[in-house]
Amino acid sequence: MSDEPGPQDTAGSPAGTPHPEPIRFFGTTWVNHDSGYPLRRAGAALGSLAAAVASCLVLRFAYEGLQIADTGSFVTVLVIAMFAICSALAFRNTWDGFGKRPDPDRQASLRGLLAIGFVGSLLAYFFRSLTEAPGERLHRQEYEAALREHEKRGARRTGNPAKKKRRR
């Protein structure tokens, strides 16, 4: 959130107030649910579901490749378990990231696991898009807290201190 004065922003907040943080694919339309917000949400949901389905098809081809290569049942079970576990962990991590800011160090250490479990992340994005823009609740809480803080700071000011009468 920035408190820098400037022209009226896209969310309609007056100059000098905190600006809402844009969300990927939604910009600041999440503030007032305007400028095609419902269409964007539907598009995000359909897009993430289509990407998850396409990813599952690619994983199916990989599974068939393992079958053709005749690597044995141990390797096949190991690969399936790896993708299932990584997808479940990626789903949970992505879902939790919609409600609180993720720890950058933890994200860096989980990068490989999250890359393997990309299907879980896509599904989390799909399910969250059904109810709100992914991350909207967190951004709204932070934006409203910044607005409250801005109002508190503004309420304390009662005028120009330079024009204050001096007592002798």
C-alpha atoms as a PDB file:
ATOM      1  CA  MET A   1       0.000   0.000   0.000  1.00  0.00           C
ATOM      2  CA  SER A   2       1.374   3.366  -0.872  1.00  0.00           C
ATOM      3  CA  ASP A   3       0.400   6.559   0.875  1.00  0.00           C
ATOM      4  CA  GLU A   4       1.856   8.803  -1.793  1.00  0.00           C
ATOM      5  CA  PRO A   5      -0.470  11.507  -3.043  1.00  0.00           C
ATOM      6  CA  GLY A   6      -1.341  11.371  -6.679  1.00  0.00           C
ATOM      7  CA  PRO A   7      -4.241  11.428  -9.084  1.00  0.00           C
ATOM      8  CA  GLN A   8      -7.294   9.350  -8.406  1.00  0.00           C
ATOM      9  CA  ASP A   9      -6.421   5.676  -8.862  1.00  0.00           C
ATOM     10  CA  THR A  10      -8.296   3.000 -10.804  1.00  0.00           C
ATOM     11  CA  ALA A  11     -10.224   1.831  -7.738  1.00  0.00           C
ATOM     12  CA  GLY A  12     -11.728   5.282  -7.276  1.00  0.00           C
ATOM     13  CA  SER A  13      -9.930   6.253  -4.087  1.00  0.00           C
ATOM     14  CA  PRO A  14      -9.163   9.960  -3.758  1.00  0.00           C
ATOM     15  CA  ALA A  15      -5.649  11.308  -3.989  1.00  0.00           C
ATOM     16  CA  GLY A  16      -3.570  10.912  -0.834  1.00  0.00           C
ATOM     17  CA  THR A  17      -5.274   7.758   0.389  1.00  0.00           C
ATOM     18  CA  PRO A  18      -3.687   4.293   0.293  1.00  0.00           C
ATOM     19  CA  HIS A  19      -3.921   2.567  -3.065  1.00  0.00           C
ATOM     20  CA  PRO A  20      -5.142  -1.025  -3.359  1.00  0.00           C
ATOM     21  CA  GLU A  21      -2.582  -3.601  -4.435  1.00  0.00           C
ATOM     22  CA  PRO A  22      -3.418  -5.122  -7.832  1.00  0.00           C
ATOM     23  CA  ILE A  23      -4.074  -8.852  -8.109  1.00  0.00           C
ATOM     24  CA  ARG A  24      -2.825 -10.830 -11.124  1.00  0.00           C
ATOM     25  CA  PHE A  25      -5.488 -10.949 -13.883  1.00  0.00           C
ATOM     26  CA  PHE A  26      -7.783  -8.660 -11.858  1.00  0.00           C
ATOM     27  CA  GLY A  27      -5.837  -5.448 -11.323  1.00  0.00           C
ATOM     28  CA  THR A  28      -7.768  -3.388  -8.792  1.00  0.00           C
ATOM     29  CA  THR A  29     -11.228  -4.421 -10.031  1.00  0.00           C
ATOM     30  CA  TRP A  30     -11.541  -6.557  -6.894  1.00  0.00           C
ATOM     31  CA  VAL A  31     -12.110  -3.441  -4.760  1.00  0.00           C
ATOM     32  CA  ASN A  32     -15.514  -2.510  -6.212  1.00  0.00           C
ATOM     33  CA  HIS A  33     -16.150  -5.642  -8.324  1.00  0.00           C
ATOM     34  CA  ASP A  34     -16.360  -3.477 -11.449  1.00  0.00           C
ATOM     35  CA  SER A  35     -14.831  -3.373 -14.942  1.00  0.00           C
ATOM     36  CA  GLY A  36     -15.662  -6.949 -15.842  1.00  0.00           C
ATOM     37  CA  TYR A  37     -14.714  -8.483 -12.477  1.00  0.00           C
ATOM     38  CA  PRO A  38     -17.260 -11.356 -12.727  1.00  0.00           C
ATOM     39  CA  LEU A  39     -16.089 -12.137 -16.259  1.00  0.00           C
ATOM     40  CA  ARG A  40     -12.455 -12.083 -15.151  1.00  0.00           C
ATOM     41  CA  ARG A  41     -13.258 -14.432 -12.279  1.00  0.00           C
ATOM     42  CA  ALA A  42     -15.058 -16.826 -14.602  1.00  0.00           C
ATOM     43  CA  GLY A  43     -12.152 -16.620 -17.045  1.00  0.00           C
ATOM     44  CA  ALA A  44      -9.621 -17.308 -14.292  1.00  0.00           C
ATOM     45  CA  ALA A  45     -11.636 -20.289 -13.090  1.00  0.00           C
ATOM     46  CA  LEU A  46     -12.057 -21.759 -16.567  1.00  0.00           C
ATOM     47  CA  GLY A  47      -8.467 -21.029 -17.529  1.00  0.00           C
ATOM     48  CA  SER A  48      -7.002 -22.684 -14.444  1.00  0.00           C
ATOM     49  CA  LEU A  49      -9.313 -25.688 -14.837  1.00  0.00           C
ATOM     50  CA  ALA A  50      -8.365 -26.038 -18.526  1.00  0.00           C
ATOM     51  CA  ALA A  51      -4.668 -25.799 -17.618  1.00  0.00           C
ATOM     52  CA  ALA A  52      -5.116 -28.447 -14.900  1.00  0.00           C
ATOM     53  CA  VAL A  53      -6.896 -30.797 -17.339  1.00  0.00           C
ATOM     54  CA  ALA A  54      -4.198 -30.267 -19.990  1.00  0.00           C
ATOM     55  CA  SER A  55      -1.526 -30.904 -17.358  1.00  0.00           C
ATOM     56  CA  CYS A  56      -3.201 -34.144 -16.334  1.00  0.00           C
ATOM     57  CA  LEU A  57      -3.195 -35.244 -19.973  1.00  0.00           C
ATOM     58  CA  VAL A  58       0.540 -34.529 -20.189  1.00  0.00           C
ATOM     59  CA  LEU A  59       1.074 -36.530 -16.986  1.00  0.00           C
ATOM     60  CA  ARG A  60      -0.952 -39.370 -18.497  1.00  0.00           C
ATOM     61  CA  PHE A  61       1.381 -39.416 -21.497  1.00  0.00           C
ATOM     62  CA  ALA A  62       4.321 -39.571 -19.094  1.00  0.00           C
ATOM     63  CA  TYR A  63       2.665 -42.505 -17.313  1.00  0.00           C
ATOM     64  CA  GLU A  64       2.135 -44.280 -20.629  1.00  0.00           C
ATOM     65  CA  GLY A  65       5.804 -43.650 -21.429  1.00  0.00           C
ATOM     66  CA  LEU A  66       6.738 -45.405 -18.196  1.00  0.00           C
ATOM     67  CA  GLN A  67       4.513 -48.318 -19.162  1.00  0.00           C
ATOM     68  CA  ILE A  68       6.066 -48.538 -22.633  1.00  0.00           C
ATOM     69  CA  ALA A  69       9.578 -48.352 -21.166  1.00  0.00           C
ATOM     70  CA  ASP A  70       8.635 -51.235 -18.868  1.00  0.00           C
ATOM     71  CA  THR A  71      10.419 -49.650 -15.903  1.00  0.00           C
ATOM     72  CA  GLY A  72       8.619 -51.879 -13.459  1.00  0.00           C
ATOM     73  CA  SER A  73       5.831 -51.347 -10.986  1.00  0.00           C
ATOM     74  CA  PHE A  74       8.073 -49.866  -8.266  1.00  0.00           C
ATOM     75  CA  VAL A  75       9.153 -46.907 -10.419  1.00  0.00           C
ATOM     76  CA  THR A  76       5.597 -46.389 -11.691  1.00  0.00           C
ATOM     77  CA  VAL A  77       4.153 -46.348  -8.164  1.00  0.00           C
ATOM     78  CA  LEU A  78       6.971 -44.068  -7.025  1.00  0.00           C
ATOM     79  CA  VAL A  79       6.304 -41.546  -9.804  1.00  0.00           C
ATOM     80  CA  ILE A  80       2.532 -41.598  -9.228  1.00  0.00           C
ATOM     81  CA  ALA A  81       2.994 -41.161  -5.467  1.00  0.00           C
ATOM     82  CA  MET A  82       5.472 -38.326  -6.043  1.00  0.00           C
ATOM     83  CA  PHE A  83       3.049 -36.382  -8.256  1.00  0.00           C
ATOM     84  CA  ALA A  84       0.098 -37.078  -5.940  1.00  0.00           C
ATOM     85  CA  ILE A  85       1.921 -35.994  -2.775  1.00  0.00           C
ATOM     86  CA  CYS A  86       3.533 -32.961  -4.411  1.00  0.00           C
ATOM     87  CA  SER A  87       0.185 -31.903  -5.891  1.00  0.00           C
ATOM     88  CA  ALA A  88      -1.518 -32.187  -2.492  1.00  0.00           C
ATOM     89  CA  LEU A  89       1.240 -30.146  -0.841  1.00  0.00           C
ATOM     90  CA  ALA A  90       1.171 -27.557  -3.641  1.00  0.00           C
ATOM     91  CA  PHE A  91      -2.626 -27.276  -3.321  1.00  0.00           C
ATOM     92  CA  ARG A  92      -2.368 -26.679   0.426  1.00  0.00           C
ATOM     93  CA  ASN A  93       0.495 -24.200   0.077  1.00  0.00           C
ATOM     94  CA  THR A  94      -1.291 -22.247  -2.666  1.00  0.00           C
ATOM     95  CA  TRP A  95      -4.582 -22.277  -0.743  1.00  0.00           C
ATOM     96  CA  ASP A  96      -2.866 -21.007   2.412  1.00  0.00           C
ATOM     97  CA  GLY A  97      -1.144 -18.308   0.358  1.00  0.00           C
ATOM     98  CA  PHE A  98      -4.540 -16.814  -0.458  1.00  0.00           C
ATOM     99  CA  GLY A  99      -5.144 -16.079   3.238  1.00  0.00           C
ATOM    100  CA  LYS A 100      -1.760 -14.883   4.457  1.00  0.00           C
ATOM    101  CA  ARG A 101       1.477 -13.634   2.990  1.00  0.00           C
ATOM    102  CA  PRO A 102       3.807 -16.591   2.372  1.00  0.00           C
ATOM    103  CA  ASP A 103       7.255 -16.664   3.961  1.00  0.00           C
ATOM    104  CA  PRO A 104       9.800 -16.041   1.164  1.00  0.00           C
ATOM    105  CA  ASP A 105      12.382 -18.406   2.694  1.00  0.00           C
ATOM    106  CA  ARG A 106       9.846 -21.225   2.936  1.00  0.00           C
ATOM    107  CA  GLN A 107       8.685 -20.558  -0.627  1.00  0.00           C
ATOM    108  CA  ALA A 108      12.276 -20.760  -1.866  1.00  0.00           C
ATOM    109  CA  SER A 109      12.827 -24.087  -0.131  1.00  0.00           C
ATOM    110  CA  LEU A 110       9.570 -25.497  -1.554  1.00  0.00           C
ATOM    111  CA  ARG A 111      10.138 -24.263  -5.106  1.00  0.00           C
ATOM    112  CA  GLY A 112      11.017 -27.697  -6.550  1.00  0.00           C
ATOM    113  CA  LEU A 113       8.195 -29.462  -4.764  1.00  0.00           C
ATOM    114  CA  LEU A 114       5.688 -26.842  -5.911  1.00  0.00           C
ATOM    115  CA  ALA A 115       6.934 -27.140  -9.487  1.00  0.00           C
ATOM    116  CA  ILE A 116       6.314 -30.891  -9.440  1.00  0.00           C
ATOM    117  CA  GLY A 117       2.875 -30.402  -7.866  1.00  0.00           C
ATOM    118  CA  PHE A 118       1.747 -27.726 -10.336  1.00  0.00           C
ATOM    119  CA  VAL A 119      -1.605 -29.485 -10.843  1.00  0.00           C
ATOM    120  CA  GLY A 120      -2.463 -28.878  -7.183  1.00  0.00           C
ATOM    121  CA  SER A 121      -1.682 -25.176  -7.515  1.00  0.00           C
ATOM    122  CA  LEU A 122      -3.888 -24.904 -10.611  1.00  0.00           C
ATOM    123  CA  LEU A 123      -6.754 -26.648  -8.830  1.00  0.00           C
ATOM    124  CA  ALA A 124      -6.413 -24.360  -5.792  1.00  0.00           C
ATOM    125  CA  TYR A 125      -6.578 -21.359  -8.126  1.00  0.00           C
ATOM    126  CA  PHE A 126      -9.688 -22.834  -9.787  1.00  0.00           C
ATOM    127  CA  PHE A 127     -11.552 -23.480  -6.543  1.00  0.00           C
ATOM    128  CA  ARG A 128     -10.701 -20.044  -5.103  1.00  0.00           C
ATOM    129  CA  SER A 129     -11.841 -18.360  -8.325  1.00  0.00           C
ATOM    130  CA  LEU A 130     -15.297 -19.834  -7.808  1.00  0.00           C
ATOM    131  CA  THR A 131     -15.856 -17.651  -4.725  1.00  0.00           C
ATOM    132  CA  GLU A 132     -13.512 -14.662  -5.127  1.00  0.00           C
ATOM    133  CA  ALA A 133     -10.447 -13.437  -6.933  1.00  0.00           C
ATOM    134  CA  PRO A 134      -7.548 -15.519  -5.592  1.00  0.00           C
ATOM    135  CA  GLY A 135      -6.020 -13.505  -2.772  1.00  0.00           C
ATOM    136  CA  GLU A 136      -8.883 -10.993  -2.647  1.00  0.00           C
ATOM    137  CA  ARG A 137      -9.717 -11.567   1.017  1.00  0.00           C
ATOM    138  CA  LEU A 138      -6.103 -10.960   2.086  1.00  0.00           C
ATOM    139  CA  HIS A 139      -5.738  -7.886  -0.128  1.00  0.00           C
ATOM    140  CA  ARG A 140      -9.088  -6.507   1.090  1.00  0.00           C
ATOM    141  CA  GLN A 141      -8.094  -6.941   4.757  1.00  0.00           C
ATOM    142  CA  GLU A 142      -4.773  -5.196   4.160  1.00  0.00           C
ATOM    143  CA  TYR A 143      -6.387  -2.406   2.126  1.00  0.00           C
ATOM    144  CA  GLU A 144      -9.117  -1.769   4.712  1.00  0.00           C
ATOM    145  CA  ALA A 145      -6.520  -1.762   7.507  1.00  0.00           C
ATOM    146  CA  ALA A 146      -4.467   0.788   5.544  1.00  0.00           C
ATOM    147  CA  LEU A 147      -7.585   2.939   5.018  1.00  0.00           C
ATOM    148  CA  ARG A 148      -8.430   2.803   8.744  1.00  0.00           C
ATOM    149  CA  GLU A 149      -4.861   3.766   9.614  1.00  0.00           C
ATOM    150  CA  HIS A 150      -4.979   6.621   7.106  1.00  0.00           C
ATOM    151  CA  GLU A 151      -8.261   7.883   8.603  1.00  0.00           C
ATOM    152  CA  LYS A 152      -6.791   7.715  12.117  1.00  0.00           C
ATOM    153  CA  ARG A 153      -3.769   9.744  11.049  1.00  0.00           C
ATOM    154  CA  GLY A 154      -5.988  12.274   9.285  1.00  0.00           C
ATOM    155  CA  ALA A 155      -8.359  12.593  12.240  1.00  0.00           C
ATOM    156  CA  ARG A 156      -5.516  13.631  14.554  1.00  0.00           C
ATOM    157  CA  ARG A 157      -4.651  16.600  12.393  1.00  0.00           C
ATOM    158  CA  THR A 158      -6.751  19.625  13.251  1.00  0.00           C
ATOM    159  CA  GLY A 159      -5.276  22.218  10.981  1.00  0.00           C
ATOM    160  CA  ASN A 160      -2.137  23.874   9.801  1.00  0.00           C
ATOM    161  CA  PRO A 161       0.364  23.953  12.692  1.00  0.00           C
ATOM    162  CA  ALA A 162       2.125  26.980  11.161  1.00  0.00           C
ATOM    163  CA  LYS A 163      -0.963  29.126  11.716  1.00  0.00           C
ATOM    164  CA  LYS A 164      -1.116  28.204  15.396  1.00  0.00           C
ATOM    165  CA  LYS A 165      -1.338  31.175  17.784  1.00  0.00           C
ATOM    166  CA  ARG A 166       1.614  31.472  20.097  1.00  0.00           C
ATOM    167  CA  ARG A 167       1.085  32.288  23.759  1.00  0.00           C
ATOM    168  CA  ARG A 168       3.348  34.863  25.354  1.00  0.00           C
END
